[in-house]
Amino acid sequence: MFGRLGAPEIILILVVVVLLFGAKKLPDMARSLGKSARILKSEAKAMKEDGAAPPNPPADTAPQPPKTIQAAPGDVASARVVDDQPQQQTTHTTQS
């Protein structure tokens, strides 16, 4: 279907593209398309490297200090420690 595109057809397609998008926007569109392609390539490479990494981290790693979240810079009163491990629920029974 598209195998018989000659020079006049390609020129006509380029003219239509320039008329639709404008000559000023085409370089920006090409630049953003290039950036998107580079990001996609780097993410695909990172996913391949993550898949090849060992599934379990080494057991001799030092424990990390707890993470702290602050509500606003300098607001120490609302800072709290974040625990990554789920806490066990305990049930309290009251006797009457």
PDB file of N, CA and C in Angstrom:
ATOM      1  N   MET A   1       0.815  -1.187   0.000  1.00  0.00           N
ATOM      2  CA  MET A   1       0.000   0.000   0.000  1.00  0.00           C
ATOM      3  C   MET A   1       0.867   1.263   0.000  1.00  0.00           C
ATOM      4  N   PHE A   2       1.886   1.318   0.915  1.00  0.00           N
ATOM      5  CA  PHE A   2       2.747   2.488   0.995  1.00  0.00           C
ATOM      6  C   PHE A   2       4.062   2.288   0.244  1.00  0.00           C
ATOM      7  N   GLY A   3       4.221   1.207  -0.439  1.00  0.00           N
ATOM      8  CA  GLY A   3       5.469   0.884  -1.110  1.00  0.00           C
ATOM      9  C   GLY A   3       5.746   1.744  -2.330  1.00  0.00           C
ATOM     10  N   ARG A   4       4.765   2.423  -2.868  1.00  0.00           N
ATOM     11  CA  ARG A   4       4.947   3.188  -4.090  1.00  0.00           C
ATOM     12  C   ARG A   4       4.966   4.691  -3.818  1.00  0.00           C
ATOM     13  N   LEU A   5       5.532   5.114  -2.690  1.00  0.00           N
ATOM     14  CA  LEU A   5       5.654   6.544  -2.407  1.00  0.00           C
ATOM     15  C   LEU A   5       6.893   7.072  -3.122  1.00  0.00           C
ATOM     16  N   GLY A   6       6.677   8.016  -4.015  1.00  0.00           N
ATOM     17  CA  GLY A   6       7.788   8.619  -4.731  1.00  0.00           C
ATOM     18  C   GLY A   6       8.120   9.979  -4.152  1.00  0.00           C
ATOM     19  N   ALA A   7       8.999  10.704  -4.825  1.00  0.00           N
ATOM     20  CA  ALA A   7       9.424  12.024  -4.370  1.00  0.00           C
ATOM     21  C   ALA A   7       8.256  13.018  -4.322  1.00  0.00           C
ATOM     22  N   PRO A   8       7.372  13.080  -5.328  1.00  0.00           N
ATOM     23  CA  PRO A   8       6.273  14.060  -5.241  1.00  0.00           C
ATOM     24  C   PRO A   8       5.327  13.795  -4.070  1.00  0.00           C
ATOM     25  N   GLU A   9       5.066  12.534  -3.763  1.00  0.00           N
ATOM     26  CA  GLU A   9       4.176  12.216  -2.646  1.00  0.00           C
ATOM     27  C   GLU A   9       4.802  12.598  -1.309  1.00  0.00           C
ATOM     28  N   ILE A  10       6.085  12.334  -1.163  1.00  0.00           N
ATOM     29  CA  ILE A  10       6.791  12.670   0.082  1.00  0.00           C
ATOM     30  C   ILE A  10       6.839  14.181   0.261  1.00  0.00           C
ATOM     31  N   ILE A  11       7.092  14.920  -0.801  1.00  0.00           N
ATOM     32  CA  ILE A  11       7.111  16.387  -0.726  1.00  0.00           C
ATOM     33  C   ILE A  11       5.730  16.909  -0.333  1.00  0.00           C
ATOM     34  N   LEU A  12       4.689  16.351  -0.920  1.00  0.00           N
ATOM     35  CA  LEU A  12       3.329  16.761  -0.579  1.00  0.00           C
ATOM     36  C   LEU A  12       3.016  16.503   0.895  1.00  0.00           C
ATOM     37  N   ILE A  13       3.440  15.354   1.424  1.00  0.00           N
ATOM     38  CA  ILE A  13       3.234  15.037   2.843  1.00  0.00           C
ATOM     39  C   ILE A  13       3.980  16.030   3.725  1.00  0.00           C
ATOM     40  N   LEU A  14       5.215  16.372   3.372  1.00  0.00           N
ATOM     41  CA  LEU A  14       5.991  17.336   4.156  1.00  0.00           C
ATOM     42  C   LEU A  14       5.343  18.719   4.143  1.00  0.00           C
ATOM     43  N   VAL A  15       4.807  19.138   3.004  1.00  0.00           N
ATOM     44  CA  VAL A  15       4.132  20.435   2.918  1.00  0.00           C
ATOM     45  C   VAL A  15       2.893  20.452   3.799  1.00  0.00           C
ATOM     46  N   VAL A  16       2.128  19.371   3.784  1.00  0.00           N
ATOM     47  CA  VAL A  16       0.927  19.298   4.620  1.00  0.00           C
ATOM     48  C   VAL A  16       1.304  19.341   6.101  1.00  0.00           C
ATOM     49  N   VAL A  17       2.359  18.656   6.494  1.00  0.00           N
ATOM     50  CA  VAL A  17       2.802  18.657   7.891  1.00  0.00           C
ATOM     51  C   VAL A  17       3.225  20.055   8.307  1.00  0.00           C
ATOM     52  N   VAL A  18       3.972  20.751   7.444  1.00  0.00           N
ATOM     53  CA  VAL A  18       4.414  22.110   7.766  1.00  0.00           C
ATOM     54  C   VAL A  18       3.213  23.043   7.886  1.00  0.00           C
ATOM     55  N   LEU A  19       2.236  22.875   7.009  1.00  0.00           N
ATOM     56  CA  LEU A  19       1.049  23.726   7.075  1.00  0.00           C
ATOM     57  C   LEU A  19       0.220  23.444   8.326  1.00  0.00           C
ATOM     58  N   LEU A  20       0.130  22.182   8.723  1.00  0.00           N
ATOM     59  CA  LEU A  20      -0.666  21.829   9.903  1.00  0.00           C
ATOM     60  C   LEU A  20      -0.024  22.307  11.202  1.00  0.00           C
ATOM     61  N   PHE A  21       1.260  22.051  11.359  1.00  0.00           N
ATOM     62  CA  PHE A  21       1.919  22.317  12.635  1.00  0.00           C
ATOM     63  C   PHE A  21       2.670  23.637  12.671  1.00  0.00           C
ATOM     64  N   GLY A  22       2.988  24.207  11.559  1.00  0.00           N
ATOM     65  CA  GLY A  22       3.741  25.448  11.528  1.00  0.00           C
ATOM     66  C   GLY A  22       5.230  25.191  11.594  1.00  0.00           C
ATOM     67  N   ALA A  23       5.994  26.017  10.893  1.00  0.00           N
ATOM     68  CA  ALA A  23       7.440  25.819  10.801  1.00  0.00           C
ATOM     69  C   ALA A  23       8.135  26.068  12.134  1.00  0.00           C
ATOM     70  N   LYS A  24       7.559  26.911  12.998  1.00  0.00           N
ATOM     71  CA  LYS A  24       8.200  27.217  14.278  1.00  0.00           C
ATOM     72  C   LYS A  24       8.071  26.068  15.271  1.00  0.00           C
ATOM     73  N   LYS A  25       7.015  25.300  15.197  1.00  0.00           N
ATOM     74  CA  LYS A  25       6.793  24.234  16.170  1.00  0.00           C
ATOM     75  C   LYS A  25       7.505  22.937  15.808  1.00  0.00           C
ATOM     76  N   LEU A  26       7.851  22.741  14.554  1.00  0.00           N
ATOM     77  CA  LEU A  26       8.460  21.470  14.142  1.00  0.00           C
ATOM     78  C   LEU A  26       9.784  21.178  14.847  1.00  0.00           C
ATOM     79  N   PRO A  27      10.724  22.130  14.990  1.00  0.00           N
ATOM     80  CA  PRO A  27      11.960  21.802  15.718  1.00  0.00           C
ATOM     81  C   PRO A  27      11.706  21.431  17.179  1.00  0.00           C
ATOM     82  N   ASP A  28      10.765  22.134  17.817  1.00  0.00           N
ATOM     83  CA  ASP A  28      10.446  21.806  19.214  1.00  0.00           C
ATOM     84  C   ASP A  28       9.833  20.418  19.325  1.00  0.00           C
ATOM     85  N   MET A  29       8.971  20.076  18.375  1.00  0.00           N
ATOM     86  CA  MET A  29       8.360  18.751  18.393  1.00  0.00           C
ATOM     87  C   MET A  29       9.408  17.666  18.172  1.00  0.00           C
ATOM     88  N   ALA A  30      10.335  17.904  17.254  1.00  0.00           N
ATOM     89  CA  ALA A  30      11.395  16.924  16.999  1.00  0.00           C
ATOM     90  C   ALA A  30      12.300  16.779  18.215  1.00  0.00           C
ATOM     91  N   ARG A  31      12.588  17.890  18.883  1.00  0.00           N
ATOM     92  CA  ARG A  31      13.440  17.853  20.078  1.00  0.00           C
ATOM     93  C   ARG A  31      12.762  17.076  21.203  1.00  0.00           C
ATOM     94  N   SER A  32      11.478  17.328  21.412  1.00  0.00           N
ATOM     95  CA  SER A  32      10.774  16.614  22.481  1.00  0.00           C
ATOM     96  C   SER A  32      10.611  15.134  22.142  1.00  0.00           C
ATOM     97  N   LEU A  33      10.454  14.822  20.866  1.00  0.00           N
ATOM     98  CA  LEU A  33      10.388  13.415  20.459  1.00  0.00           C
ATOM     99  C   LEU A  33      11.715  12.711  20.718  1.00  0.00           C
ATOM    100  N   GLY A  34      12.816  13.411  20.463  1.00  0.00           N
ATOM    101  CA  GLY A  34      14.140  12.844  20.745  1.00  0.00           C
ATOM    102  C   GLY A  34      14.363  12.617  22.223  1.00  0.00           C
ATOM    103  N   LYS A  35      13.931  13.586  23.048  1.00  0.00           N
ATOM    104  CA  LYS A  35      14.065  13.425  24.500  1.00  0.00           C
ATOM    105  C   LYS A  35      13.242  12.235  24.985  1.00  0.00           C
ATOM    106  N   SER A  36      12.030  12.104  24.454  1.00  0.00           N
ATOM    107  CA  SER A  36      11.175  10.984  24.857  1.00  0.00           C
ATOM    108  C   SER A  36      11.799   9.651  24.477  1.00  0.00           C
ATOM    109  N   ALA A  37      12.396   9.589  23.302  1.00  0.00           N
ATOM    110  CA  ALA A  37      13.043   8.350  22.866  1.00  0.00           C
ATOM    111  C   ALA A  37      14.231   8.013  23.763  1.00  0.00           C
ATOM    112  N   ARG A  38      15.014   9.034  24.164  1.00  0.00           N
ATOM    113  CA  ARG A  38      16.152   8.779  25.058  1.00  0.00           C
ATOM    114  C   ARG A  38      15.685   8.305  26.428  1.00  0.00           C
ATOM    115  N   ILE A  39      14.620   8.905  26.944  1.00  0.00           N
ATOM    116  CA  ILE A  39      14.091   8.492  28.244  1.00  0.00           C
ATOM    117  C   ILE A  39      13.589   7.054  28.179  1.00  0.00           C
ATOM    118  N   LEU A  40      12.870   6.732  27.108  1.00  0.00           N
ATOM    119  CA  LEU A  40      12.366   5.370  26.940  1.00  0.00           C
ATOM    120  C   LEU A  40      13.512   4.365  26.863  1.00  0.00           C
ATOM    121  N   LYS A  41      14.557   4.720  26.131  1.00  0.00           N
ATOM    122  CA  LYS A  41      15.714   3.829  25.990  1.00  0.00           C
ATOM    123  C   LYS A  41      16.415   3.627  27.333  1.00  0.00           C
ATOM    124  N   SER A  42      16.594   4.711  28.098  1.00  0.00           N
ATOM    125  CA  SER A  42      17.281   4.571  29.385  1.00  0.00           C
ATOM    126  C   SER A  42      16.437   3.782  30.383  1.00  0.00           C
ATOM    127  N   GLU A  43      15.118   3.962  30.361  1.00  0.00           N
ATOM    128  CA  GLU A  43      14.249   3.204  31.260  1.00  0.00           C
ATOM    129  C   GLU A  43      14.244   1.720  30.895  1.00  0.00           C
ATOM    130  N   ALA A  44      14.237   1.417  29.609  1.00  0.00           N
ATOM    131  CA  ALA A  44      14.277   0.016  29.185  1.00  0.00           C
ATOM    132  C   ALA A  44      15.595  -0.627  29.601  1.00  0.00           C
ATOM    133  N   LYS A  45      16.685   0.125  29.489  1.00  0.00           N
ATOM    134  CA  LYS A  45      17.997  -0.387  29.898  1.00  0.00           C
ATOM    135  C   LYS A  45      18.031  -0.620  31.408  1.00  0.00           C
ATOM    136  N   ALA A  46      17.445   0.307  32.172  1.00  0.00           N
ATOM    137  CA  ALA A  46      17.406   0.162  33.631  1.00  0.00           C
ATOM    138  C   ALA A  46      16.567  -1.043  34.036  1.00  0.00           C
ATOM    139  N   MET A  47      15.465  -1.280  33.324  1.00  0.00           N
ATOM    140  CA  MET A  47      14.640  -2.446  33.637  1.00  0.00           C
ATOM    141  C   MET A  47      15.380  -3.743  33.347  1.00  0.00           C
ATOM    142  N   LYS A  48      16.175  -3.766  32.273  1.00  0.00           N
ATOM    143  CA  LYS A  48      16.975  -4.956  31.971  1.00  0.00           C
ATOM    144  C   LYS A  48      18.008  -5.200  33.064  1.00  0.00           C
ATOM    145  N   GLU A  49      18.652  -4.114  33.516  1.00  0.00           N
ATOM    146  CA  GLU A  49      19.666  -4.253  34.565  1.00  0.00           C
ATOM    147  C   GLU A  49      19.032  -4.676  35.881  1.00  0.00           C
ATOM    148  N   ASP A  50      17.843  -4.185  36.179  1.00  0.00           N
ATOM    149  CA  ASP A  50      17.155  -4.584  37.403  1.00  0.00           C
ATOM    150  C   ASP A  50      16.776  -6.057  37.357  1.00  0.00           C
ATOM    151  N   GLY A  51      16.409  -6.544  36.192  1.00  0.00           N
ATOM    152  CA  GLY A  51      16.043  -7.948  36.041  1.00  0.00           C
ATOM    153  C   GLY A  51      17.247  -8.864  36.193  1.00  0.00           C
ATOM    154  N   ALA A  52      18.442  -8.366  35.852  1.00  0.00           N
ATOM    155  CA  ALA A  52      19.652  -9.181  35.956  1.00  0.00           C
ATOM    156  C   ALA A  52      20.282  -9.118  37.344  1.00  0.00           C
ATOM    157  N   ALA A  53      19.834  -8.200  38.182  1.00  0.00           N
ATOM    158  CA  ALA A  53      20.382  -8.048  39.526  1.00  0.00           C
ATOM    159  C   ALA A  53      19.927  -9.220  40.400  1.00  0.00           C
ATOM    160  N   PRO A  54      20.705  -9.571  41.424  1.00  0.00           N
ATOM    161  CA  PRO A  54      20.284 -10.640  42.322  1.00  0.00           C
ATOM    162  C   PRO A  54      18.998 -10.253  43.033  1.00  0.00           C
ATOM    163  N   PRO A  55      18.096 -11.219  43.255  1.00  0.00           N
ATOM    164  CA  PRO A  55      16.800 -10.896  43.845  1.00  0.00           C
ATOM    165  C   PRO A  55      16.876 -10.471  45.308  1.00  0.00           C
ATOM    166  N   ASN A  56      17.840 -10.984  46.071  1.00  0.00           N
ATOM    167  CA  ASN A  56      17.932 -10.673  47.494  1.00  0.00           C
ATOM    168  C   ASN A  56      19.173  -9.828  47.757  1.00  0.00           C
ATOM    169  N   PRO A  57      19.054  -8.759  48.551  1.00  0.00           N
ATOM    170  CA  PRO A  57      20.246  -7.984  48.904  1.00  0.00           C
ATOM    171  C   PRO A  57      21.111  -8.776  49.883  1.00  0.00           C
ATOM    172  N   PRO A  58      22.385  -8.455  49.987  1.00  0.00           N
ATOM    173  CA  PRO A  58      23.243  -9.164  50.938  1.00  0.00           C
ATOM    174  C   PRO A  58      22.758  -8.969  52.370  1.00  0.00           C
ATOM    175  N   ALA A  59      22.922 -10.016  53.181  1.00  0.00           N
ATOM    176  CA  ALA A  59      22.393 -10.005  54.546  1.00  0.00           C
ATOM    177  C   ALA A  59      23.279  -9.210  55.500  1.00  0.00           C
ATOM    178  N   ASP A  60      24.513  -8.875  55.127  1.00  0.00           N
ATOM    179  CA  ASP A  60      25.417  -8.206  56.043  1.00  0.00           C
ATOM    180  C   ASP A  60      25.363  -6.676  55.929  1.00  0.00           C
ATOM    181  N   THR A  61      24.289  -6.136  55.421  1.00  0.00           N
ATOM    182  CA  THR A  61      24.178  -4.685  55.314  1.00  0.00           C
ATOM    183  C   THR A  61      23.841  -4.096  56.674  1.00  0.00           C
ATOM    184  N   ALA A  62      24.330  -2.901  56.926  1.00  0.00           N
ATOM    185  CA  ALA A  62      24.083  -2.225  58.205  1.00  0.00           C
ATOM    186  C   ALA A  62      22.652  -1.703  58.232  1.00  0.00           C
ATOM    187  N   PRO A  63      22.025  -1.701  59.391  1.00  0.00           N
ATOM    188  CA  PRO A  63      20.659  -1.174  59.469  1.00  0.00           C
ATOM    189  C   PRO A  63      20.651   0.326  59.176  1.00  0.00           C
ATOM    190  N   GLN A  64      19.613   0.771  58.495  1.00  0.00           N
ATOM    191  CA  GLN A  64      19.509   2.171  58.137  1.00  0.00           C
ATOM    192  C   GLN A  64      18.762   2.928  59.231  1.00  0.00           C
ATOM    193  N   PRO A  65      19.105   4.195  59.425  1.00  0.00           N
ATOM    194  CA  PRO A  65      18.385   4.976  60.432  1.00  0.00           C
ATOM    195  C   PRO A  65      16.950   5.209  59.976  1.00  0.00           C
ATOM    196  N   PRO A  66      16.025   5.424  60.892  1.00  0.00           N
ATOM    197  CA  PRO A  66      14.624   5.638  60.512  1.00  0.00           C
ATOM    198  C   PRO A  66      14.468   6.916  59.699  1.00  0.00           C
ATOM    199  N   LYS A  67      13.494   6.907  58.802  1.00  0.00           N
ATOM    200  CA  LYS A  67      13.222   8.065  57.959  1.00  0.00           C
ATOM    201  C   LYS A  67      12.342   9.043  58.730  1.00  0.00           C
ATOM    202  N   THR A  68      12.560  10.325  58.503  1.00  0.00           N
ATOM    203  CA  THR A  68      11.767  11.348  59.166  1.00  0.00           C
ATOM    204  C   THR A  68      11.068  12.199  58.112  1.00  0.00           C
ATOM    205  N   ILE A  69       9.794  12.450  58.317  1.00  0.00           N
ATOM    206  CA  ILE A  69       9.019  13.297  57.422  1.00  0.00           C
ATOM    207  C   ILE A  69       8.671  14.566  58.168  1.00  0.00           C
ATOM    208  N   GLN A  70       8.925  15.714  57.526  1.00  0.00           N
ATOM    209  CA  GLN A  70       8.578  16.994  58.132  1.00  0.00           C
ATOM    210  C   GLN A  70       7.466  17.626  57.311  1.00  0.00           C
ATOM    211  N   ALA A  71       6.523  18.258  57.999  1.00  0.00           N
ATOM    212  CA  ALA A  71       5.399  18.887  57.319  1.00  0.00           C
ATOM    213  C   ALA A  71       5.835  20.153  56.598  1.00  0.00           C
ATOM    214  N   ALA A  72       6.698  20.928  57.177  1.00  0.00           N
ATOM    215  CA  ALA A  72       7.187  22.164  56.567  1.00  0.00           C
ATOM    216  C   ALA A  72       8.631  22.365  57.010  1.00  0.00           C
ATOM    217  N   PRO A  73       9.413  23.075  56.223  1.00  0.00           N
ATOM    218  CA  PRO A  73      10.801  23.318  56.642  1.00  0.00           C
ATOM    219  C   PRO A  73      10.847  24.073  57.961  1.00  0.00           C
ATOM    220  N   GLY A  74      11.567  23.535  58.906  1.00  0.00           N
ATOM    221  CA  GLY A  74      11.710  24.164  60.205  1.00  0.00           C
ATOM    222  C   GLY A  74      10.600  23.845  61.190  1.00  0.00           C
ATOM    223  N   ASP A  75       9.593  23.106  60.777  1.00  0.00           N
ATOM    224  CA  ASP A  75       8.474  22.764  61.649  1.00  0.00           C
ATOM    225  C   ASP A  75       8.800  21.450  62.341  1.00  0.00           C
ATOM    226  N   VAL A  76       9.444  21.533  63.506  1.00  0.00           N
ATOM    227  CA  VAL A  76       9.901  20.349  64.216  1.00  0.00           C
ATOM    228  C   VAL A  76       8.760  19.674  64.971  1.00  0.00           C
ATOM    229  N   ALA A  77       7.751  20.417  65.326  1.00  0.00           N
ATOM    230  CA  ALA A  77       6.663  19.873  66.137  1.00  0.00           C
ATOM    231  C   ALA A  77       5.877  18.799  65.393  1.00  0.00           C
ATOM    232  N   SER A  78       5.774  18.914  64.068  1.00  0.00           N
ATOM    233  CA  SER A  78       4.973  17.941  63.330  1.00  0.00           C
ATOM    234  C   SER A  78       5.819  16.866  62.671  1.00  0.00           C
ATOM    235  N   ALA A  79       7.118  16.825  62.940  1.00  0.00           N
ATOM    236  CA  ALA A  79       7.977  15.795  62.363  1.00  0.00           C
ATOM    237  C   ALA A  79       7.663  14.464  63.025  1.00  0.00           C
ATOM    238  N   ARG A  80       7.700  13.409  62.232  1.00  0.00           N
ATOM    239  CA  ARG A  80       7.438  12.086  62.781  1.00  0.00           C
ATOM    240  C   ARG A  80       8.318  11.067  62.089  1.00  0.00           C
ATOM    241  N   VAL A  81       8.594   9.969  62.769  1.00  0.00           N
ATOM    242  CA  VAL A  81       9.417   8.890  62.235  1.00  0.00           C
ATOM    243  C   VAL A  81       8.519   7.953  61.443  1.00  0.00           C
ATOM    244  N   VAL A  82       8.983   7.532  60.284  1.00  0.00           N
ATOM    245  CA  VAL A  82       8.228   6.627  59.433  1.00  0.00           C
ATOM    246  C   VAL A  82       8.798   5.227  59.598  1.00  0.00           C
ATOM    247  N   ASP A  83       7.937   4.278  59.896  1.00  0.00           N
ATOM    248  CA  ASP A  83       8.348   2.887  60.050  1.00  0.00           C
ATOM    249  C   ASP A  83       7.946   2.133  58.792  1.00  0.00           C
ATOM    250  N   ASP A  84       8.915   1.560  58.079  1.00  0.00           N
ATOM    251  CA  ASP A  84       8.641   0.840  56.838  1.00  0.00           C
ATOM    252  C   ASP A  84       7.979  -0.507  57.086  1.00  0.00           C
ATOM    253  N   GLN A  85       8.158  -1.072  58.258  1.00  0.00           N
ATOM    254  CA  GLN A  85       7.609  -2.386  58.545  1.00  0.00           C
ATOM    255  C   GLN A  85       6.208  -2.236  59.138  1.00  0.00           C
ATOM    256  N   PRO A  86       5.271  -3.071  58.712  1.00  0.00           N
ATOM    257  CA  PRO A  86       3.914  -2.967  59.262  1.00  0.00           C
ATOM    258  C   PRO A  86       3.909  -3.347  60.745  1.00  0.00           C
ATOM    259  N   GLN A  87       3.119  -2.630  61.500  1.00  0.00           N
ATOM    260  CA  GLN A  87       3.036  -2.903  62.931  1.00  0.00           C
ATOM    261  C   GLN A  87       1.985  -3.967  63.183  1.00  0.00           C
ATOM    262  N   GLN A  88       2.242  -4.784  64.187  1.00  0.00           N
ATOM    263  CA  GLN A  88       1.305  -5.836  64.532  1.00  0.00           C
ATOM    264  C   GLN A  88       0.169  -5.233  65.337  1.00  0.00           C
ATOM    265  N   GLN A  89      -1.028  -5.692  65.029  1.00  0.00           N
ATOM    266  CA  GLN A  89      -2.182  -5.191  65.764  1.00  0.00           C
ATOM    267  C   GLN A  89      -2.367  -6.019  67.029  1.00  0.00           C
ATOM    268  N   THR A  90      -2.599  -5.340  68.105  1.00  0.00           N
ATOM    269  CA  THR A  90      -2.855  -6.037  69.364  1.00  0.00           C
ATOM    270  C   THR A  90      -4.276  -5.734  69.776  1.00  0.00           C
ATOM    271  N   THR A  91      -4.890  -6.713  70.353  1.00  0.00           N
ATOM    272  CA  THR A  91      -6.266  -6.503  70.816  1.00  0.00           C
ATOM    273  C   THR A  91      -6.236  -6.362  72.320  1.00  0.00           C
ATOM    274  N   HIS A  92      -6.909  -5.353  72.765  1.00  0.00           N
ATOM    275  CA  HIS A  92      -6.998  -5.104  74.193  1.00  0.00           C
ATOM    276  C   HIS A  92      -8.406  -5.489  74.646  1.00  0.00           C
ATOM    277  N   THR A  93      -8.438  -6.292  75.679  1.00  0.00           N
ATOM    278  CA  THR A  93      -9.747  -6.677  76.221  1.00  0.00           C
ATOM    279  C   THR A  93      -9.882  -6.045  77.602  1.00  0.00           C
ATOM    280  N   THR A  94     -11.035  -5.580  77.831  1.00  0.00           N
ATOM    281  CA  THR A  94     -11.306  -4.985  79.143  1.00  0.00           C
ATOM    282  C   THR A  94     -12.211  -5.936  79.919  1.00  0.00           C
ATOM    283  N   GLN A  95     -11.905  -6.079  81.161  1.00  0.00           N
ATOM    284  CA  GLN A  95     -12.724  -6.954  81.983  1.00  0.00           C
ATOM    285  C   GLN A  95     -13.587  -6.087  82.891  1.00  0.00           C
ATOM    286  N   SER A  96     -14.873  -6.425  82.957  1.00  0.00           N
ATOM    287  CA  SER A  96     -15.788  -5.645  83.782  1.00  0.00           C
ATOM    288  C   SER A  96     -16.063  -6.327  85.094  1.00  0.00           C
TER     289      SER A  96
END
